Amino acid sequence: MNKIPLVLAGAAAAVVTVAIKAPQPEPGLPEGPAGAPLRTAADVVAACRASGAVGWDLVNKATSLVHRMYTHYSCWHLWLSPQASLEAGHGHSGQYNIVLGQILEQLGFQVRPVHAARVRLEHHPWYHTGHSWLRVTYDGKELDVCASRPGNTAGNVAFVPVTEVLDRTRLNSIDTTFALAPIVVASVWKSWLTGSDIQSWMYRPFGRSA
């Protein structure tokens, strides 16, 4: 009897169960200029334009608002698009920084998403040391921009790349997601089966160290 279909069906069921039981949306809903909560990327763009900020101050305003839109760092929601991640309030660097880049482009900035296979970023396990962020150009200067921490500003981010910094492309984004997905699924199931907490490298309050 060919056991391969049964194995594949079991693996698919394990993945689907992890996805179904992922935490529900919990957006940060920071207050906008008229007192209404910000819910979408378009809301953030409008709030930035209404702020009157320009140049790097405008970049920092957008970065801060995107950070405040998130309540949880999450690798448990790998399937969400960057904008859906923003609206749900949980995501990883390939989601929150990419939607920040989309917002900054709408505000007129030149944005280059980048990625490093390893960065020095607090206490993450060896299989989760990659990071994606932005390099933003304004007035002839290119600076690192990242929404991961509340105190981050253009050129002042809470990590140091220790491997080559590469442009982030659709291909390496997909590769990273597919490489991380089985580790996430295995980690969630291990937590369920042992009765332990979900590991903080995978899901934790946004802006908090792993």
Protein backbone atom coordinates (compact mmCIF):
# COMPACT_ATOMS: atom_id res chain seq x y z
CA MET A 1 0.00 0.00 0.00
CA ASN A 2 1.33 3.40 -0.98
CA LYS A 3 1.63 5.45 2.21
CA ILE A 4 2.73 8.67 0.51
CA PRO A 5 -0.82 10.08 0.04
CA LEU A 6 -1.57 9.40 3.71
CA VAL A 7 1.64 11.13 4.80
CA LEU A 8 0.88 14.12 2.58
CA ALA A 9 -2.70 14.30 3.85
CA GLY A 10 -1.46 14.21 7.43
CA ALA A 11 1.07 16.95 6.78
CA ALA A 12 -1.57 19.10 5.09
CA ALA A 13 -3.93 18.62 8.03
CA ALA A 14 -1.20 19.65 10.46
CA VAL A 15 -0.52 22.85 8.49
CA VAL A 16 -4.21 23.72 8.10
CA THR A 17 -4.81 23.21 11.82
CA VAL A 18 -1.97 25.58 12.69
CA ALA A 19 -3.38 28.19 10.30
CA ILE A 20 -6.95 27.85 11.58
CA LYS A 21 -5.88 28.17 15.20
CA ALA A 22 -3.61 31.15 14.64
CA PRO A 23 -4.47 34.15 16.83
CA GLN A 24 -7.27 36.30 15.48
CA PRO A 25 -6.70 39.89 14.29
CA GLU A 26 -5.81 42.34 17.03
CA PRO A 27 -4.87 45.65 15.37
CA GLY A 28 -3.30 48.47 17.33
CA LEU A 29 -5.72 51.10 15.97
CA PRO A 30 -3.67 54.23 16.78
CA GLU A 31 -5.64 57.47 16.71
CA GLY A 32 -5.60 59.43 13.47
CA PRO A 33 -5.63 63.21 13.01
CA ALA A 34 -9.44 63.43 13.31
CA GLY A 35 -9.60 61.08 16.28
CA ALA A 36 -10.69 58.07 14.21
CA PRO A 37 -8.58 54.90 14.54
CA LEU A 38 -6.15 54.06 11.75
CA ARG A 39 -7.08 50.72 10.20
CA THR A 40 -5.40 50.52 6.77
CA ALA A 41 -2.28 51.56 4.91
CA ALA A 42 -4.34 54.27 3.20
CA ASP A 43 -5.27 55.61 6.64
CA VAL A 44 -1.57 55.81 7.57
CA VAL A 45 -0.75 57.65 4.34
CA ALA A 46 -3.54 60.15 5.00
CA ALA A 47 -2.41 60.67 8.61
CA CYS A 48 1.18 61.25 7.49
CA ARG A 49 0.10 63.82 4.92
CA ALA A 50 -2.10 65.58 7.47
CA SER A 51 0.76 65.77 9.98
CA GLY A 52 2.64 68.42 8.02
CA ALA A 53 5.93 66.55 8.49
CA VAL A 54 8.44 66.53 5.64
CA GLY A 55 11.69 64.77 4.78
CA TRP A 56 13.13 62.41 7.37
CA ASP A 57 10.56 63.61 9.92
CA LEU A 58 7.87 62.28 7.59
CA VAL A 59 9.71 58.96 7.25
CA ASN A 60 9.89 58.73 11.03
CA LYS A 61 6.21 59.61 11.37
CA ALA A 62 5.22 56.80 9.00
CA THR A 63 7.59 54.36 10.73
CA SER A 64 6.11 55.18 14.13
CA LEU A 65 2.52 54.82 12.94
CA VAL A 66 3.21 51.47 11.29
CA HIS A 67 4.85 50.26 14.50
CA ARG A 68 1.79 51.33 16.48
CA MET A 69 -0.55 49.51 14.08
CA TYR A 70 0.94 46.20 15.24
CA THR A 71 0.26 44.48 18.55
CA HIS A 72 2.23 41.27 17.95
CA TYR A 73 5.35 40.14 16.19
CA SER A 74 4.27 36.95 14.41
CA CYS A 75 5.68 34.23 12.21
CA TRP A 76 2.39 32.42 12.78
CA HIS A 77 0.74 34.44 9.99
CA LEU A 78 3.16 33.89 7.13
CA TRP A 79 0.36 33.73 4.54
CA LEU A 80 -0.84 37.31 5.10
CA SER A 81 0.01 39.99 2.56
CA PRO A 82 1.84 43.01 4.01
CA GLN A 83 -1.32 45.16 3.95
CA ALA A 84 -3.45 42.37 5.47
CA SER A 85 -0.78 41.95 8.14
CA LEU A 86 -1.00 45.66 8.99
CA GLU A 87 -4.78 45.49 9.26
CA ALA A 88 -4.60 42.36 11.43
CA GLY A 89 -1.98 43.84 13.76
CA HIS A 90 0.50 40.99 13.63
CA GLY A 91 3.38 40.12 11.31
CA HIS A 92 7.11 39.73 10.78
CA SER A 93 9.70 41.96 9.12
CA GLY A 94 8.81 40.74 5.63
CA GLN A 95 5.31 42.07 6.26
CA TYR A 96 5.49 45.17 8.49
CA ASN A 97 8.53 46.67 6.78
CA ILE A 98 7.24 45.93 3.28
CA VAL A 99 3.92 47.67 3.96
CA LEU A 100 5.90 50.56 5.47
CA GLY A 101 7.84 50.70 2.20
CA GLN A 102 4.59 50.83 0.22
CA ILE A 103 3.39 53.70 2.41
CA LEU A 104 6.66 55.62 2.01
CA GLU A 105 6.53 55.20 -1.77
CA GLN A 106 3.04 56.72 -1.77
CA LEU A 107 4.49 59.63 0.20
CA GLY A 108 7.05 60.19 -2.55
CA PHE A 109 10.17 58.51 -1.19
CA GLN A 110 12.56 56.24 -3.04
CA VAL A 111 12.48 52.89 -1.20
CA ARG A 112 14.69 49.82 -1.55
CA PRO A 113 13.60 46.73 0.44
CA VAL A 114 16.63 44.73 1.56
CA HIS A 115 17.33 41.52 3.45
CA ALA A 116 20.20 39.87 5.31
CA ALA A 117 20.35 36.17 6.12
CA ARG A 118 21.75 36.99 9.54
CA VAL A 119 21.50 40.07 11.71
CA ARG A 120 22.45 40.71 15.31
CA LEU A 121 19.00 41.26 16.78
CA GLU A 122 18.76 40.30 20.46
CA HIS A 123 18.29 36.60 21.26
CA HIS A 124 16.77 34.84 18.28
CA PRO A 125 17.42 31.15 17.54
CA TRP A 126 19.91 30.30 14.79
CA TYR A 127 17.16 29.43 12.29
CA HIS A 128 15.47 32.80 12.70
CA THR A 129 18.20 35.39 12.39
CA GLY A 130 17.26 36.80 8.99
CA HIS A 131 15.69 40.24 8.76
CA SER A 132 14.10 42.43 6.09
CA TRP A 133 14.07 46.20 6.25
CA LEU A 134 14.15 49.29 4.04
CA ARG A 135 16.77 51.60 2.66
CA VAL A 136 15.14 54.94 1.98
CA THR A 137 16.64 57.74 -0.07
CA TYR A 138 15.91 61.41 0.56
CA ASP A 139 17.90 64.45 -0.48
CA GLY A 140 20.72 62.26 -1.83
CA LYS A 141 21.14 60.24 1.38
CA GLU A 142 20.14 56.59 1.86
CA LEU A 143 19.33 55.43 5.42
CA ASP A 144 18.15 52.20 7.04
CA VAL A 145 14.49 52.27 8.13
CA CYS A 146 12.69 49.63 10.20
CA ALA A 147 9.41 49.59 12.15
CA SER A 148 10.39 46.79 14.55
CA ARG A 149 10.97 48.96 17.63
CA PRO A 150 9.23 52.10 18.93
CA GLY A 151 12.47 54.06 19.15
CA ASN A 152 13.68 53.32 15.61
CA THR A 153 14.27 56.33 13.40
CA ALA A 154 15.83 56.70 9.95
CA GLY A 155 19.46 55.66 10.26
CA ASN A 156 18.99 54.45 13.83
CA VAL A 157 17.72 50.86 13.91
CA ALA A 158 17.90 48.12 16.55
CA PHE A 159 19.95 45.56 14.62
CA VAL A 160 23.25 45.10 12.82
CA PRO A 161 23.55 42.95 9.66
CA VAL A 162 26.34 40.38 9.93
CA THR A 163 25.98 38.87 6.45
CA GLU A 164 25.75 40.51 3.04
CA VAL A 165 22.80 42.86 2.58
CA LEU A 166 20.85 41.93 -0.54
CA ASP A 167 17.90 43.49 -2.32
CA ARG A 168 14.70 41.78 -1.25
CA THR A 169 13.00 40.20 -4.25
CA ARG A 170 9.79 38.25 -4.71
CA LEU A 171 11.84 35.08 -5.16
CA ASN A 172 13.86 35.31 -1.94
CA SER A 173 10.70 36.40 -0.09
CA ILE A 174 8.98 33.18 -1.18
CA ASP A 175 12.08 31.13 -0.35
CA THR A 176 12.23 32.59 3.16
CA THR A 177 8.54 31.91 3.77
CA PHE A 178 8.72 28.30 2.59
CA ALA A 179 11.90 27.69 4.61
CA LEU A 180 10.35 29.04 7.80
CA ALA A 181 6.86 27.54 7.46
CA PRO A 182 7.71 23.94 8.48
CA ILE A 183 9.68 25.20 11.49
CA VAL A 184 6.68 27.29 12.57
CA VAL A 185 4.28 24.36 12.15
CA ALA A 186 6.56 22.01 14.09
CA SER A 187 7.08 24.57 16.85
CA VAL A 188 3.35 25.19 17.30
CA TRP A 189 2.55 21.48 17.42
CA LYS A 190 5.37 20.86 19.91
CA SER A 191 3.93 23.57 22.18
CA TRP A 192 0.44 22.08 21.93
CA LEU A 193 1.59 18.52 22.56
CA THR A 194 3.80 19.42 25.52
CA GLY A 195 1.45 21.98 27.02
CA SER A 196 4.14 24.68 26.83
CA ASP A 197 3.80 28.28 25.74
CA ILE A 198 4.27 29.28 22.11
CA GLN A 199 7.92 30.26 21.69
CA SER A 200 8.48 34.00 21.83
CA TRP A 201 10.68 34.08 18.72
CA MET A 202 7.54 33.17 16.78
CA TYR A 203 4.77 35.13 18.52
CA ARG A 204 5.10 37.86 21.14
CA PRO A 205 3.98 41.43 21.88
CA PHE A 206 5.27 43.74 19.18
CA GLY A 207 8.46 45.59 19.98
CA ARG A 208 9.40 43.22 22.81
CA SER A 209 12.64 41.26 22.80
CA ALA A 210 12.47 37.56 21.98
